Amino acid sequence: MEEGTTVVGRRAVLEALDAGAAVHKIWVQEGTSPAFLEVLKAKARARGVPVSVVPRARFQPFGAFRHQGVVAFLSPIPYADAEALLAGVEGKAAALWVVLDGLEDPHNVGAIIRTAAAAGAEAVILPKHQSAGLTPAAVKASAGAVFYLPVARTTNLVRFAERMKAAGFWLIGASPDGGTDWRAADYRGKVALVIGGEGRGLRPLLRRRLDV
């Protein structure tokens, strides 16, 4: 993420433009739908972003992604400041955050960010290590939600969870052996939904800090 990033997929690229992300240029593969190209060029023109129609061969480096014939080149997507987010909820009666405890598949991270944004969450918190971050795959899976929903990283997720509790958050963990159906949980007030990694689930140290 230090030397810029790419966003692939039609929805994600359009959302990047709408959100005012730092897009430098856009490539569109030859043969792309004229109707989509017209919409894309109009949005890009309004932002002063050049759009180039390029041969299919130029998209070979993006073959691992479902790029849909469009890729945008951006400055690095900034992570939000976790401490600033925590300070921002001081005095608030309600907030919904999502905490991801070491998910390693960027598609899962992106899909959860997309769902969290749709559910009205105000932030997503990731551990800085042993976790997928805002990779091109995660950005595409988020359908552009990363440009609207703050995503922050913390070096010590357990310690940050303790600080969240001190700030009034109620920590609700998602687990197959939990005693409460997710539909019956009380999400009022300040709530953080904590989701464990694929296969491993919630780590014991973090699990012990959960309220539900």
Protein backbone atom coordinates (compact mmCIF):
# COMPACT_ATOMS: atom_id res chain seq x y z
CA MET A 1 0.00 0.00 0.00
CA GLU A 2 2.99 2.34 0.30
CA GLU A 3 3.45 2.94 -3.44
CA GLY A 4 -0.14 3.31 -4.50
CA THR A 5 -2.85 0.80 -5.18
CA THR A 6 -5.26 -0.31 -7.85
CA VAL A 7 -9.01 -0.64 -7.79
CA VAL A 8 -10.62 -3.11 -10.18
CA GLY A 9 -14.23 -3.71 -11.11
CA ARG A 10 -16.87 -1.35 -12.45
CA ARG A 11 -18.74 -0.62 -9.22
CA ALA A 12 -15.57 -0.13 -7.18
CA VAL A 13 -14.04 2.27 -9.72
CA LEU A 14 -17.23 4.33 -10.01
CA GLU A 15 -17.47 4.53 -6.22
CA ALA A 16 -13.84 5.65 -6.01
CA LEU A 17 -14.66 8.53 -8.35
CA ASP A 18 -17.88 9.42 -6.52
CA ALA A 19 -16.09 9.40 -3.15
CA GLY A 20 -13.38 11.74 -4.34
CA ALA A 21 -10.57 9.20 -3.94
CA ALA A 22 -7.14 10.17 -5.28
CA VAL A 23 -7.51 8.48 -8.68
CA HIS A 24 -4.62 9.23 -11.07
CA LYS A 25 -5.76 7.40 -14.19
CA ILE A 26 -8.15 4.72 -15.39
CA TRP A 27 -7.67 1.97 -17.94
CA VAL A 28 -10.61 0.45 -19.79
CA GLN A 29 -10.19 -2.73 -21.79
CA GLU A 30 -10.99 -2.66 -25.51
CA GLY A 31 -14.47 -3.96 -26.20
CA THR A 32 -15.98 -2.69 -22.93
CA SER A 33 -19.65 -1.75 -23.12
CA PRO A 34 -20.05 1.71 -24.70
CA ALA A 35 -22.85 2.54 -22.24
CA PHE A 36 -20.61 1.89 -19.23
CA LEU A 37 -17.69 3.70 -20.87
CA GLU A 38 -19.86 6.78 -21.38
CA VAL A 39 -20.87 6.85 -17.70
CA LEU A 40 -17.29 6.27 -16.56
CA LYS A 41 -15.85 8.99 -18.79
CA ALA A 42 -18.43 11.50 -17.60
CA LYS A 43 -17.57 10.88 -13.95
CA ALA A 44 -13.83 10.85 -14.65
CA ARG A 45 -14.04 14.06 -16.68
CA ALA A 46 -15.74 15.82 -13.78
CA ARG A 47 -12.79 14.83 -11.58
CA GLY A 48 -10.10 15.56 -14.14
CA VAL A 49 -9.06 11.90 -14.33
CA PRO A 50 -7.77 10.61 -17.69
CA VAL A 51 -9.38 7.46 -19.12
CA SER A 52 -7.52 5.31 -21.63
CA VAL A 53 -8.91 2.44 -23.70
CA VAL A 54 -6.12 -0.17 -23.79
CA PRO A 55 -5.59 -3.60 -25.40
CA ARG A 56 -6.70 -6.71 -23.54
CA ALA A 57 -3.03 -7.69 -23.07
CA ARG A 58 -2.50 -4.73 -20.71
CA PHE A 59 -4.91 -6.38 -18.27
CA GLN A 60 -2.87 -9.57 -17.90
CA PRO A 61 -1.35 -8.47 -14.54
CA PHE A 62 -4.90 -8.20 -13.19
CA GLY A 63 -5.98 -11.63 -14.37
CA ALA A 64 -6.37 -12.91 -10.81
CA PHE A 65 -9.15 -10.39 -10.23
CA ARG A 66 -12.59 -10.12 -11.78
CA HIS A 67 -11.65 -6.73 -13.17
CA GLN A 68 -14.62 -6.44 -15.56
CA GLY A 69 -12.36 -4.59 -18.00
CA VAL A 70 -11.64 -1.56 -15.84
CA VAL A 71 -8.86 -0.63 -13.41
CA ALA A 72 -8.13 2.63 -11.61
CA PHE A 73 -4.72 3.65 -10.28
CA LEU A 74 -4.86 5.47 -6.96
CA SER A 75 -2.69 6.88 -4.24
CA PRO A 76 -2.55 4.55 -1.21
CA ILE A 77 -5.92 4.21 0.50
CA PRO A 78 -5.36 5.68 3.97
CA TYR A 79 -6.31 3.82 7.10
CA ALA A 80 -8.25 5.76 9.68
CA ASP A 81 -6.64 6.58 13.03
CA ALA A 82 -8.03 4.11 15.58
CA GLU A 83 -7.34 6.45 18.49
CA ALA A 84 -9.10 9.33 16.75
CA LEU A 85 -12.12 7.11 16.05
CA LEU A 86 -12.27 6.15 19.72
CA ALA A 87 -12.06 9.77 20.79
CA GLY A 88 -14.82 10.58 18.32
CA VAL A 89 -17.39 8.41 20.10
CA GLU A 90 -16.73 9.95 23.50
CA GLY A 91 -20.00 11.30 24.80
CA LYS A 92 -22.07 9.51 22.15
CA ALA A 93 -24.93 7.32 23.33
CA ALA A 94 -24.76 4.89 20.42
CA ALA A 95 -22.27 3.59 17.88
CA LEU A 96 -21.85 0.42 15.83
CA TRP A 97 -18.34 -0.84 15.05
CA VAL A 98 -17.10 -4.09 13.54
CA VAL A 99 -13.86 -5.66 14.79
CA LEU A 100 -12.16 -8.32 12.66
CA ASP A 101 -9.88 -10.64 14.61
CA GLY A 102 -7.36 -11.75 12.01
CA LEU A 103 -9.32 -12.53 8.85
CA GLU A 104 -6.77 -13.53 6.22
CA ASP A 105 -8.90 -13.66 3.07
CA PRO A 106 -9.14 -10.17 1.54
CA HIS A 107 -12.44 -11.10 -0.14
CA ASN A 108 -13.95 -11.79 3.29
CA VAL A 109 -12.58 -8.53 4.67
CA GLY A 110 -14.02 -6.59 1.73
CA ALA A 111 -17.39 -8.31 1.91
CA ILE A 112 -17.68 -7.56 5.63
CA ILE A 113 -16.75 -3.92 5.08
CA ARG A 114 -19.48 -3.74 2.41
CA THR A 115 -22.04 -5.31 4.74
CA ALA A 116 -20.97 -3.18 7.69
CA ALA A 117 -21.45 -0.02 5.64
CA ALA A 118 -24.90 -1.19 4.54
CA ALA A 119 -25.84 -1.91 8.16
CA GLY A 120 -24.88 1.58 9.27
CA ALA A 121 -21.61 0.78 11.02
CA GLU A 122 -19.33 3.72 11.72
CA ALA A 123 -15.96 1.95 11.68
CA VAL A 124 -14.15 -1.33 11.03
CA ILE A 125 -11.10 -2.22 13.13
CA LEU A 126 -8.37 -4.63 11.95
CA PRO A 127 -5.21 -5.90 13.65
CA LYS A 128 -2.08 -4.55 11.99
CA HIS A 129 -0.49 -7.98 11.72
CA GLN A 130 -1.80 -11.41 10.63
CA SER A 131 -4.76 -9.89 8.87
CA ALA A 132 -5.71 -9.04 5.30
CA GLY A 133 -5.76 -5.31 4.67
CA LEU A 134 -7.07 -2.96 2.01
CA THR A 135 -5.68 -4.90 -0.94
CA PRO A 136 -7.17 -4.56 -4.45
CA ALA A 137 -9.17 -7.75 -3.82
CA ALA A 138 -10.58 -6.36 -0.57
CA VAL A 139 -11.43 -3.03 -2.18
CA LYS A 140 -13.25 -4.74 -5.06
CA ALA A 141 -15.16 -7.06 -2.68
CA SER A 142 -16.24 -4.03 -0.68
CA ALA A 143 -17.89 -2.62 -3.85
CA GLY A 144 -16.32 0.74 -3.01
CA ALA A 145 -17.48 0.85 0.64
CA VAL A 146 -13.87 1.39 1.77
CA PHE A 147 -14.13 4.93 0.39
CA TYR A 148 -16.96 5.77 2.79
CA LEU A 149 -16.50 3.64 5.92
CA PRO A 150 -13.40 4.31 8.07
CA VAL A 151 -11.13 1.26 8.36
CA ALA A 152 -8.47 1.45 11.08
CA ARG A 153 -5.66 -0.83 12.20
CA THR A 154 -4.24 -1.36 15.68
CA THR A 155 -1.05 -3.14 16.73
CA ASN A 156 -2.68 -4.78 19.77
CA LEU A 157 -6.31 -5.70 19.21
CA VAL A 158 -6.83 -7.12 22.71
CA ARG A 159 -5.56 -3.95 24.37
CA PHE A 160 -7.65 -1.81 22.03
CA ALA A 161 -10.71 -3.90 22.88
CA GLU A 162 -10.12 -3.11 26.54
CA ARG A 163 -9.99 0.58 25.69
CA MET A 164 -13.22 0.24 23.75
CA LYS A 165 -14.90 -1.29 26.78
CA ALA A 166 -13.61 1.56 28.94
CA ALA A 167 -15.16 3.95 26.41
CA GLY A 168 -18.54 2.29 26.91
CA PHE A 169 -18.61 -0.29 24.13
CA TRP A 170 -20.43 -3.57 24.57
CA LEU A 171 -18.43 -6.30 22.80
CA ILE A 172 -20.51 -8.98 21.06
CA GLY A 173 -18.58 -11.89 19.58
CA ALA A 174 -19.73 -13.98 16.62
CA SER A 175 -19.14 -17.66 17.38
CA PRO A 176 -20.81 -20.93 16.34
CA ASP A 177 -20.89 -22.04 19.98
CA GLY A 178 -22.24 -18.78 21.38
CA GLY A 179 -25.17 -18.92 23.77
CA THR A 180 -27.18 -16.11 22.17
CA ASP A 181 -28.79 -16.12 18.74
CA TRP A 182 -27.45 -13.15 16.77
CA ARG A 183 -31.02 -11.99 16.11
CA ALA A 184 -31.73 -11.84 19.84
CA ALA A 185 -28.67 -9.79 20.85
CA ASP A 186 -29.15 -6.23 22.08
CA TYR A 187 -27.38 -3.88 19.68
CA ARG A 188 -28.48 -0.64 21.33
CA GLY A 189 -25.92 1.76 22.72
CA LYS A 190 -22.25 1.46 21.81
CA VAL A 191 -21.75 -1.97 20.28
CA ALA A 192 -18.81 -3.66 18.60
CA LEU A 193 -19.46 -6.86 16.69
CA VAL A 194 -16.29 -8.99 16.91
CA ILE A 195 -15.69 -11.56 14.17
CA GLY A 196 -12.91 -14.16 14.34
CA GLY A 197 -10.60 -15.38 11.61
CA GLU A 198 -11.38 -18.13 9.14
CA GLY A 199 -10.98 -21.53 10.72
CA ARG A 200 -9.34 -20.21 13.89
CA GLY A 201 -12.28 -18.16 15.09
CA LEU A 202 -11.95 -15.75 17.98
CA ARG A 203 -8.65 -15.85 19.81
CA PRO A 204 -8.94 -16.85 23.51
CA LEU A 205 -7.46 -13.58 24.82
CA LEU A 206 -9.99 -11.50 22.88
CA ARG A 207 -12.82 -13.94 23.58
CA ARG A 208 -12.35 -13.41 27.32
CA ARG A 209 -13.04 -9.71 26.89
CA LEU A 210 -16.42 -10.23 25.23
CA ASP A 211 -19.64 -9.28 26.96
CA VAL A 212 -21.79 -11.62 24.85
